[in-house]
Amino acid sequence: MKTKETKLNSFILKGNTIEKMKEMIGKTKKDRKEREFDFCKYKNNVIMHMHECTGNECWVASRRRCTKGEFVGTFHTHPQPFSERPSTSDLFNIMSEGMGCIGSAKTNKTKCYFFDRSKGYDYIRDSFQQLHKLESVVDDIVGENGDKPEFWPEISRKLEDLREMNYFINQYIRTVKIA
């Protein structure tokens, strides 16, 4: 059965691109490696896939270019045990590109995320940069046996502030479910 095209905001995602997403999720399920391709916009806002690549268990890079059409975003897979929810790094990419789709080997689902750049972009970007920096050091701060340093209350307050910013940021990301 042929997959129907899907409307994504002002874009049209062709059925063969949706099939490619499903295929890449299946491959990720088997070898636990992230896969990616770029979305390129053609006339009439049709987006097609271009420049497939395979990464490792936790990362894949985009070329962010199109040999035909205009680059408008990316699709990538998450291996088990991760869902189709974006990581902090994914959100950075979605913010800079405007659109990103993620397929999960765990859930067999794909979601596309859209960022409205007109709504406080600088504030949101800066908030995510703070969140990303903190996420990268939190594991180093808490000891291997879970011991917390004496300055943990201050860290805890900062984490709570960032959670509130994260809630605010999520108001600017629109999600569309794909097959």
N, C-alpha and C. Protein backbone atom coordinates (compact mmCIF):
# COMPACT_ATOMS: atom_id res chain seq x y z
N MET A 1 0.84 -1.18 0.00
CA MET A 1 0.00 0.00 0.00
C MET A 1 0.89 1.25 0.00
N LYS A 2 0.58 2.18 -0.85
CA LYS A 2 1.34 3.41 -1.00
C LYS A 2 0.99 4.38 0.12
N THR A 3 2.03 4.97 0.74
CA THR A 3 1.82 5.94 1.81
C THR A 3 1.40 7.28 1.23
N LYS A 4 0.38 7.87 1.84
CA LYS A 4 -0.11 9.18 1.38
C LYS A 4 0.85 10.28 1.82
N GLU A 5 0.80 11.38 1.08
CA GLU A 5 1.58 12.53 1.50
C GLU A 5 0.93 13.15 2.73
N THR A 6 1.73 13.92 3.49
CA THR A 6 1.28 14.55 4.72
C THR A 6 1.59 16.03 4.66
N LYS A 7 0.68 16.85 5.16
CA LYS A 7 0.90 18.29 5.22
C LYS A 7 1.60 18.62 6.53
N LEU A 8 2.72 19.33 6.43
CA LEU A 8 3.48 19.78 7.60
C LEU A 8 3.58 21.29 7.54
N ASN A 9 2.78 21.97 8.32
CA ASN A 9 2.71 23.43 8.23
C ASN A 9 2.50 23.81 6.78
N SER A 10 3.42 24.57 6.20
CA SER A 10 3.25 24.97 4.80
C SER A 10 3.89 23.98 3.83
N PHE A 11 4.50 22.92 4.35
CA PHE A 11 5.19 21.94 3.51
C PHE A 11 4.31 20.74 3.19
N ILE A 12 4.68 20.04 2.13
CA ILE A 12 4.05 18.76 1.78
C ILE A 12 5.13 17.70 1.82
N LEU A 13 4.93 16.70 2.68
CA LEU A 13 5.87 15.59 2.83
C LEU A 13 5.36 14.43 1.99
N LYS A 14 6.08 14.07 0.95
CA LYS A 14 5.66 13.02 0.03
C LYS A 14 5.69 11.63 0.70
N GLY A 15 4.86 10.75 0.22
CA GLY A 15 4.77 9.40 0.76
C GLY A 15 6.07 8.63 0.71
N ASN A 16 6.87 8.81 -0.37
CA ASN A 16 8.13 8.07 -0.45
C ASN A 16 9.12 8.54 0.62
N THR A 17 9.03 9.79 1.04
CA THR A 17 9.89 10.28 2.12
C THR A 17 9.46 9.69 3.46
N ILE A 18 8.15 9.57 3.67
CA ILE A 18 7.64 8.93 4.89
C ILE A 18 8.07 7.46 4.92
N GLU A 19 8.02 6.78 3.78
CA GLU A 19 8.48 5.39 3.70
C GLU A 19 9.97 5.29 4.04
N LYS A 20 10.76 6.26 3.58
CA LYS A 20 12.19 6.28 3.88
C LYS A 20 12.41 6.44 5.39
N MET A 21 11.58 7.25 6.04
CA MET A 21 11.66 7.42 7.49
C MET A 21 11.44 6.08 8.19
N LYS A 22 10.39 5.37 7.77
CA LYS A 22 10.07 4.06 8.36
C LYS A 22 11.21 3.07 8.15
N GLU A 23 11.77 3.08 6.95
CA GLU A 23 12.89 2.19 6.62
C GLU A 23 14.09 2.47 7.53
N MET A 24 14.38 3.74 7.73
CA MET A 24 15.52 4.10 8.57
C MET A 24 15.29 3.74 10.04
N ILE A 25 14.05 3.86 10.51
CA ILE A 25 13.73 3.43 11.88
C ILE A 25 13.99 1.93 12.00
N GLY A 26 13.56 1.15 10.99
CA GLY A 26 13.79 -0.30 11.00
C GLY A 26 15.26 -0.65 11.05
N LYS A 27 16.08 0.04 10.28
CA LYS A 27 17.53 -0.21 10.30
C LYS A 27 18.13 0.16 11.66
N THR A 28 17.66 1.26 12.24
CA THR A 28 18.15 1.68 13.55
C THR A 28 17.78 0.64 14.61
N LYS A 29 16.60 0.06 14.47
CA LYS A 29 16.16 -0.99 15.40
C LYS A 29 17.14 -2.16 15.39
N LYS A 30 17.64 -2.49 14.20
CA LYS A 30 18.54 -3.65 14.06
C LYS A 30 19.95 -3.38 14.56
N ASP A 31 20.51 -2.21 14.21
CA ASP A 31 21.92 -2.00 14.55
C ASP A 31 22.17 -0.91 15.60
N ARG A 32 21.09 -0.27 16.09
CA ARG A 32 21.16 0.73 17.16
C ARG A 32 21.99 1.96 16.77
N LYS A 33 22.06 2.29 15.49
CA LYS A 33 22.79 3.46 15.03
C LYS A 33 21.80 4.51 14.53
N GLU A 34 22.09 5.76 14.88
CA GLU A 34 21.25 6.85 14.41
C GLU A 34 21.46 7.04 12.91
N ARG A 35 20.37 7.41 12.24
CA ARG A 35 20.41 7.69 10.81
C ARG A 35 19.78 9.06 10.58
N GLU A 36 20.16 9.71 9.48
CA GLU A 36 19.72 11.07 9.23
C GLU A 36 19.62 11.32 7.74
N PHE A 37 18.71 12.24 7.37
CA PHE A 37 18.74 12.83 6.04
C PHE A 37 18.24 14.26 6.13
N ASP A 38 18.60 15.04 5.11
CA ASP A 38 18.20 16.44 5.05
C ASP A 38 16.89 16.58 4.31
N PHE A 39 16.08 17.55 4.72
CA PHE A 39 14.86 17.92 4.00
C PHE A 39 15.19 19.06 3.05
N CYS A 40 14.83 18.90 1.80
CA CYS A 40 15.05 19.93 0.79
C CYS A 40 13.71 20.31 0.18
N LYS A 41 13.43 21.61 0.15
CA LYS A 41 12.15 22.11 -0.36
C LYS A 41 12.26 22.40 -1.86
N TYR A 42 11.32 21.85 -2.59
CA TYR A 42 11.21 22.07 -4.02
C TYR A 42 10.04 23.01 -4.28
N LYS A 43 9.72 23.21 -5.54
CA LYS A 43 8.59 24.09 -5.86
C LYS A 43 7.30 23.55 -5.24
N ASN A 44 6.37 24.43 -5.01
CA ASN A 44 5.08 24.12 -4.37
C ASN A 44 5.25 23.60 -2.94
N ASN A 45 6.38 23.92 -2.29
CA ASN A 45 6.65 23.55 -0.90
C ASN A 45 6.69 22.04 -0.65
N VAL A 46 6.99 21.27 -1.67
CA VAL A 46 7.18 19.83 -1.50
C VAL A 46 8.57 19.60 -0.93
N ILE A 47 8.65 18.84 0.18
CA ILE A 47 9.97 18.52 0.72
C ILE A 47 10.31 17.06 0.44
N MET A 48 11.54 16.86 0.03
CA MET A 48 12.06 15.53 -0.30
C MET A 48 13.29 15.27 0.57
N HIS A 49 13.68 14.01 0.65
CA HIS A 49 14.85 13.65 1.44
C HIS A 49 16.10 13.62 0.56
N MET A 50 17.24 13.97 1.17
CA MET A 50 18.49 14.02 0.45
C MET A 50 19.64 13.80 1.43
N HIS A 51 20.73 13.24 0.97
CA HIS A 51 21.98 13.08 1.74
C HIS A 51 21.80 12.21 2.98
N GLU A 52 21.46 10.96 2.80
CA GLU A 52 21.35 10.04 3.93
C GLU A 52 22.72 9.76 4.52
N CYS A 53 22.75 9.58 5.84
CA CYS A 53 23.99 9.14 6.47
C CYS A 53 23.68 8.35 7.74
N THR A 54 24.67 7.61 8.20
CA THR A 54 24.55 6.79 9.40
C THR A 54 25.58 7.27 10.41
N GLY A 55 25.16 7.41 11.65
CA GLY A 55 26.06 7.84 12.72
C GLY A 55 26.44 6.68 13.61
N ASN A 56 26.46 6.93 14.92
CA ASN A 56 26.74 5.87 15.87
C ASN A 56 25.55 5.71 16.81
N GLU A 57 25.78 5.15 18.00
CA GLU A 57 24.67 4.86 18.91
C GLU A 57 24.04 6.11 19.52
N CYS A 58 24.73 7.26 19.44
CA CYS A 58 24.17 8.43 20.12
C CYS A 58 24.28 9.72 19.33
N TRP A 59 24.72 9.66 18.08
CA TRP A 59 24.90 10.92 17.37
C TRP A 59 24.99 10.67 15.86
N VAL A 60 24.47 11.64 15.11
CA VAL A 60 24.60 11.64 13.65
C VAL A 60 24.65 13.09 13.20
N ALA A 61 25.43 13.36 12.18
CA ALA A 61 25.60 14.75 11.70
C ALA A 61 24.85 14.98 10.40
N SER A 62 24.34 16.16 10.26
CA SER A 62 23.64 16.58 9.04
C SER A 62 24.60 17.34 8.14
N ARG A 63 24.39 17.21 6.85
CA ARG A 63 25.17 18.02 5.90
C ARG A 63 24.57 19.42 5.77
N ARG A 64 23.28 19.54 6.04
CA ARG A 64 22.56 20.82 5.97
C ARG A 64 22.75 21.54 4.64
N ARG A 65 22.63 20.77 3.58
CA ARG A 65 22.69 21.38 2.25
C ARG A 65 21.88 20.54 1.27
N CYS A 66 21.50 21.17 0.20
CA CYS A 66 20.71 20.49 -0.82
C CYS A 66 21.36 20.71 -2.18
N THR A 67 21.50 19.64 -2.94
CA THR A 67 22.00 19.79 -4.31
C THR A 67 20.89 20.28 -5.22
N LYS A 68 19.64 20.04 -4.81
CA LYS A 68 18.46 20.58 -5.48
C LYS A 68 17.54 21.13 -4.41
N GLY A 69 16.90 22.23 -4.70
CA GLY A 69 15.97 22.81 -3.74
C GLY A 69 16.68 23.57 -2.63
N GLU A 70 15.91 23.86 -1.56
CA GLU A 70 16.40 24.67 -0.44
C GLU A 70 16.33 23.85 0.85
N PHE A 71 17.41 23.85 1.64
CA PHE A 71 17.46 23.14 2.92
C PHE A 71 16.44 23.74 3.89
N VAL A 72 15.60 22.88 4.52
CA VAL A 72 14.61 23.37 5.47
C VAL A 72 14.59 22.61 6.79
N GLY A 73 15.42 21.57 6.95
CA GLY A 73 15.44 20.82 8.20
C GLY A 73 15.99 19.42 8.01
N THR A 74 15.83 18.61 9.05
CA THR A 74 16.38 17.25 9.01
C THR A 74 15.41 16.24 9.63
N PHE A 75 15.66 14.99 9.31
CA PHE A 75 15.03 13.84 9.98
C PHE A 75 16.17 13.00 10.53
N HIS A 76 16.02 12.50 11.75
CA HIS A 76 16.97 11.51 12.25
C HIS A 76 16.27 10.52 13.17
N THR A 77 16.92 9.39 13.39
CA THR A 77 16.35 8.33 14.23
C THR A 77 17.01 8.33 15.60
N HIS A 78 16.26 7.84 16.58
CA HIS A 78 16.79 7.56 17.92
C HIS A 78 16.73 6.05 18.14
N PRO A 79 17.84 5.45 18.56
CA PRO A 79 17.81 4.02 18.87
C PRO A 79 17.13 3.74 20.21
N GLN A 80 16.92 2.46 20.51
CA GLN A 80 16.39 2.07 21.82
C GLN A 80 17.33 2.62 22.87
N PRO A 81 16.94 3.06 24.02
CA PRO A 81 15.58 3.09 24.56
C PRO A 81 14.91 4.45 24.39
N PHE A 82 15.35 5.25 23.44
CA PHE A 82 14.89 6.64 23.34
C PHE A 82 13.63 6.78 22.49
N SER A 83 12.81 7.74 22.90
CA SER A 83 11.56 8.01 22.17
C SER A 83 11.84 9.00 21.05
N GLU A 84 10.78 9.50 20.47
CA GLU A 84 10.89 10.49 19.40
C GLU A 84 10.94 11.92 19.95
N ARG A 85 11.07 12.05 21.26
CA ARG A 85 11.19 13.38 21.87
C ARG A 85 12.59 13.94 21.61
N PRO A 86 12.70 15.24 21.36
CA PRO A 86 14.02 15.81 21.07
C PRO A 86 14.89 15.97 22.31
N SER A 87 16.18 15.73 22.13
CA SER A 87 17.16 16.02 23.17
C SER A 87 17.43 17.52 23.15
N THR A 88 18.23 18.00 24.09
CA THR A 88 18.59 19.41 24.09
C THR A 88 19.31 19.77 22.79
N SER A 89 20.22 18.91 22.36
CA SER A 89 20.93 19.17 21.09
C SER A 89 19.96 19.21 19.92
N ASP A 90 19.00 18.28 19.92
CA ASP A 90 17.99 18.28 18.86
C ASP A 90 17.22 19.60 18.84
N LEU A 91 16.88 20.10 20.03
CA LEU A 91 16.13 21.35 20.10
C LEU A 91 16.97 22.53 19.58
N PHE A 92 18.26 22.51 19.86
CA PHE A 92 19.14 23.54 19.28
C PHE A 92 19.04 23.52 17.76
N ASN A 93 19.11 22.32 17.19
CA ASN A 93 19.04 22.19 15.74
C ASN A 93 17.69 22.65 15.20
N ILE A 94 16.62 22.25 15.87
CA ILE A 94 15.27 22.65 15.44
C ILE A 94 15.14 24.17 15.48
N MET A 95 15.72 24.78 16.52
CA MET A 95 15.65 26.23 16.63
C MET A 95 16.41 26.90 15.50
N SER A 96 17.57 26.37 15.14
CA SER A 96 18.35 27.03 14.08
C SER A 96 17.80 26.72 12.69
N GLU A 97 17.27 25.52 12.51
CA GLU A 97 16.76 25.12 11.19
C GLU A 97 15.30 25.49 11.00
N GLY A 98 14.55 25.54 12.09
CA GLY A 98 13.12 25.83 12.01
C GLY A 98 12.25 24.59 12.03
N MET A 99 12.83 23.44 11.66
CA MET A 99 12.06 22.19 11.58
C MET A 99 12.99 20.99 11.77
N GLY A 100 12.49 19.98 12.44
CA GLY A 100 13.22 18.73 12.58
C GLY A 100 12.26 17.60 12.90
N CYS A 101 12.51 16.43 12.32
CA CYS A 101 11.67 15.26 12.58
C CYS A 101 12.54 14.17 13.20
N ILE A 102 11.95 13.43 14.15
CA ILE A 102 12.67 12.38 14.86
C ILE A 102 11.83 11.12 14.84
N GLY A 103 12.45 10.01 14.44
CA GLY A 103 11.81 8.70 14.45
C GLY A 103 12.43 7.83 15.52
N SER A 104 11.62 7.09 16.24
CA SER A 104 12.10 6.28 17.36
C SER A 104 12.02 4.78 17.07
N ALA A 105 13.14 4.09 17.30
CA ALA A 105 13.16 2.63 17.20
C ALA A 105 12.38 2.01 18.36
N LYS A 106 12.24 2.73 19.46
CA LYS A 106 11.50 2.23 20.62
C LYS A 106 10.00 2.24 20.37
N THR A 107 9.49 3.36 19.83
CA THR A 107 8.04 3.52 19.70
C THR A 107 7.53 3.30 18.28
N ASN A 108 8.45 3.24 17.30
CA ASN A 108 8.06 3.14 15.88
C ASN A 108 7.26 4.35 15.43
N LYS A 109 7.43 5.48 16.10
CA LYS A 109 6.70 6.69 15.75
C LYS A 109 7.68 7.76 15.29
N THR A 110 7.15 8.69 14.52
CA THR A 110 7.92 9.85 14.08
C THR A 110 7.13 11.11 14.42
N LYS A 111 7.83 12.10 14.95
CA LYS A 111 7.22 13.41 15.21
C LYS A 111 8.10 14.47 14.57
N CYS A 112 7.44 15.48 14.05
CA CYS A 112 8.14 16.62 13.48
C CYS A 112 7.90 17.82 14.40
N TYR A 113 8.95 18.59 14.59
CA TYR A 113 8.92 19.73 15.50
C TYR A 113 9.23 20.99 14.72
N PHE A 114 8.47 22.05 15.00
CA PHE A 114 8.62 23.32 14.32
C PHE A 114 8.84 24.41 15.34
N PHE A 115 9.76 25.30 15.03
CA PHE A 115 10.07 26.42 15.92
C PHE A 115 9.69 27.73 15.24
N ASP A 116 8.96 28.56 15.96
CA ASP A 116 8.56 29.87 15.45
C ASP A 116 9.62 30.88 15.86
N ARG A 117 10.49 31.23 14.93
CA ARG A 117 11.61 32.12 15.22
C ARG A 117 11.17 33.53 15.59
N SER A 118 9.96 33.89 15.29
CA SER A 118 9.51 35.26 15.55
C SER A 118 9.20 35.50 17.02
N LYS A 119 9.19 34.46 17.84
CA LYS A 119 8.78 34.60 19.23
C LYS A 119 9.97 34.52 20.19
N GLY A 120 10.67 35.59 20.38
CA GLY A 120 11.71 35.64 21.41
C GLY A 120 12.87 34.70 21.17
N TYR A 121 13.35 34.61 19.96
CA TYR A 121 14.40 33.65 19.60
C TYR A 121 15.65 33.78 20.47
N ASP A 122 16.15 34.99 20.68
CA ASP A 122 17.39 35.17 21.44
C ASP A 122 17.24 34.66 22.87
N TYR A 123 16.11 34.99 23.51
CA TYR A 123 15.88 34.54 24.88
C TYR A 123 15.84 33.01 24.95
N ILE A 124 15.13 32.42 24.02
CA ILE A 124 15.00 30.97 24.01
C ILE A 124 16.34 30.31 23.73
N ARG A 125 17.09 30.82 22.76
CA ARG A 125 18.41 30.25 22.44
C ARG A 125 19.31 30.31 23.68
N ASP A 126 19.36 31.46 24.34
CA ASP A 126 20.21 31.62 25.51
C ASP A 126 19.78 30.67 26.63
N SER A 127 18.48 30.49 26.82
CA SER A 127 17.98 29.58 27.85
C SER A 127 18.42 28.15 27.57
N PHE A 128 18.33 27.74 26.32
CA PHE A 128 18.76 26.38 25.98
C PHE A 128 20.25 26.20 26.13
N GLN A 129 21.01 27.24 25.84
CA GLN A 129 22.46 27.12 26.02
C GLN A 129 22.79 26.92 27.49
N GLN A 130 22.10 27.63 28.37
CA GLN A 130 22.30 27.44 29.80
C GLN A 130 21.91 26.03 30.23
N LEU A 131 20.77 25.56 29.74
CA LEU A 131 20.31 24.22 30.08
C LEU A 131 21.30 23.18 29.60
N HIS A 132 21.78 23.32 28.40
CA HIS A 132 22.72 22.36 27.83
C HIS A 132 24.02 22.32 28.63
N LYS A 133 24.54 23.47 29.03
CA LYS A 133 25.77 23.52 29.83
C LYS A 133 25.57 22.81 31.16
N LEU A 134 24.43 23.07 31.80
CA LEU A 134 24.17 22.47 33.09
C LEU A 134 23.98 20.96 32.98
N GLU A 135 23.25 20.51 31.95
CA GLU A 135 23.06 19.08 31.76
C GLU A 135 24.39 18.36 31.59
N SER A 136 25.34 19.00 30.94
CA SER A 136 26.61 18.35 30.64
C SER A 136 27.50 18.21 31.88
N VAL A 137 27.27 19.03 32.92
CA VAL A 137 28.12 18.92 34.11
C VAL A 137 27.44 18.29 35.31
N VAL A 138 26.13 18.14 35.29
CA VAL A 138 25.41 17.61 36.45
C VAL A 138 25.91 16.22 36.85
N ASP A 139 26.16 15.35 35.88
CA ASP A 139 26.64 14.00 36.21
C ASP A 139 28.02 14.03 36.85
N ASP A 140 28.84 15.01 36.48
CA ASP A 140 30.16 15.14 37.09
C ASP A 140 30.07 15.66 38.52
N ILE A 141 29.04 16.46 38.79
CA ILE A 141 28.89 17.06 40.12
C ILE A 141 28.43 16.02 41.14
N VAL A 142 27.48 15.19 40.75
CA VAL A 142 26.96 14.15 41.65
C VAL A 142 27.94 12.98 41.60
N GLY A 143 28.40 12.52 42.74
CA GLY A 143 29.37 11.42 42.79
C GLY A 143 28.80 10.12 42.25
N GLU A 144 29.70 9.15 42.00
CA GLU A 144 29.28 7.85 41.45
C GLU A 144 28.27 7.15 42.34
N ASN A 145 28.39 7.33 43.66
CA ASN A 145 27.46 6.66 44.58
C ASN A 145 26.27 7.55 44.92
N GLY A 146 26.10 8.66 44.18
CA GLY A 146 24.94 9.52 44.38
C GLY A 146 25.13 10.59 45.43
N ASP A 147 26.35 10.69 45.99
CA ASP A 147 26.62 11.74 46.98
C ASP A 147 26.49 13.11 46.34
N LYS A 148 25.89 14.03 47.08
CA LYS A 148 25.72 15.37 46.57
C LYS A 148 26.65 16.32 47.32
N PRO A 149 27.31 17.22 46.62
CA PRO A 149 28.21 18.16 47.28
C PRO A 149 27.45 19.15 48.15
N GLU A 150 28.19 19.85 49.00
CA GLU A 150 27.55 20.79 49.94
C GLU A 150 26.84 21.94 49.23
N PHE A 151 27.24 22.26 48.00
CA PHE A 151 26.58 23.35 47.28
C PHE A 151 25.40 22.84 46.43
N TRP A 152 24.91 21.64 46.72
CA TRP A 152 23.80 21.07 45.97
C TRP A 152 22.53 21.93 46.03
N PRO A 153 22.16 22.56 47.18
CA PRO A 153 20.94 23.39 47.18
C PRO A 153 20.99 24.49 46.11
N GLU A 154 22.16 25.08 45.91
CA GLU A 154 22.28 26.12 44.88
C GLU A 154 22.09 25.51 43.48
N ILE A 155 22.69 24.37 43.27
CA ILE A 155 22.53 23.67 41.98
C ILE A 155 21.07 23.31 41.76
N SER A 156 20.43 22.81 42.80
CA SER A 156 19.03 22.41 42.72
C SER A 156 18.15 23.60 42.32
N ARG A 157 18.40 24.78 42.92
CA ARG A 157 17.65 25.98 42.56
C ARG A 157 17.86 26.34 41.09
N LYS A 158 19.10 26.26 40.63
CA LYS A 158 19.40 26.56 39.23
C LYS A 158 18.68 25.59 38.30
N LEU A 159 18.66 24.31 38.68
CA LEU A 159 17.96 23.31 37.87
C LEU A 159 16.47 23.63 37.78
N GLU A 160 15.89 24.03 38.89
CA GLU A 160 14.47 24.38 38.90
C GLU A 160 14.21 25.58 38.00
N ASP A 161 15.09 26.59 38.06
CA ASP A 161 14.95 27.74 37.16
C ASP A 161 14.99 27.30 35.70
N LEU A 162 15.90 26.39 35.38
CA LEU A 162 16.01 25.92 34.01
C LEU A 162 14.81 25.09 33.59
N ARG A 163 14.24 24.33 34.52
CA ARG A 163 13.02 23.57 34.20
C ARG A 163 11.88 24.53 33.84
N GLU A 164 11.78 25.63 34.57
CA GLU A 164 10.77 26.62 34.26
C GLU A 164 11.01 27.24 32.89
N MET A 165 12.28 27.51 32.56
CA MET A 165 12.61 28.03 31.24
C MET A 165 12.26 27.00 30.17
N ASN A 166 12.54 25.74 30.48
CA ASN A 166 12.24 24.67 29.53
C ASN A 166 10.74 24.63 29.25
N TYR A 167 9.92 24.79 30.28
CA TYR A 167 8.47 24.84 30.09
C TYR A 167 8.10 25.99 29.16
N PHE A 168 8.71 27.15 29.41
CA PHE A 168 8.46 28.32 28.57
C PHE A 168 8.87 28.04 27.12
N ILE A 169 10.02 27.44 26.97
CA ILE A 169 10.55 27.14 25.64
C ILE A 169 9.62 26.19 24.88
N ASN A 170 9.11 25.21 25.58
CA ASN A 170 8.24 24.22 24.93
C ASN A 170 6.98 24.85 24.34
N GLN A 171 6.62 26.03 24.82
CA GLN A 171 5.47 26.72 24.25
C GLN A 171 5.73 27.18 22.81
N TYR A 172 6.98 27.23 22.43
CA TYR A 172 7.36 27.72 21.11
C TYR A 172 7.62 26.61 20.11
N ILE A 173 7.53 25.38 20.54
CA ILE A 173 7.78 24.25 19.66
C ILE A 173 6.43 23.60 19.34
N ARG A 174 6.10 23.49 18.06
CA ARG A 174 4.86 22.84 17.63
C ARG A 174 5.20 21.45 17.13
N THR A 175 4.41 20.45 17.50
CA THR A 175 4.68 19.06 17.18
C THR A 175 3.61 18.51 16.23
N VAL A 176 4.05 17.76 15.22
CA VAL A 176 3.15 17.09 14.28
C VAL A 176 3.56 15.62 14.24
N LYS A 177 2.58 14.72 14.48
CA LYS A 177 2.86 13.29 14.41
C LYS A 177 2.83 12.82 12.95
N ILE A 178 3.78 12.00 12.60
CA ILE A 178 3.85 11.38 11.28
C ILE A 178 3.70 9.88 11.52
N ALA A 179 3.27 9.17 10.52
CA ALA A 179 3.05 7.72 10.58
C ALA A 179 3.74 7.01 11.72
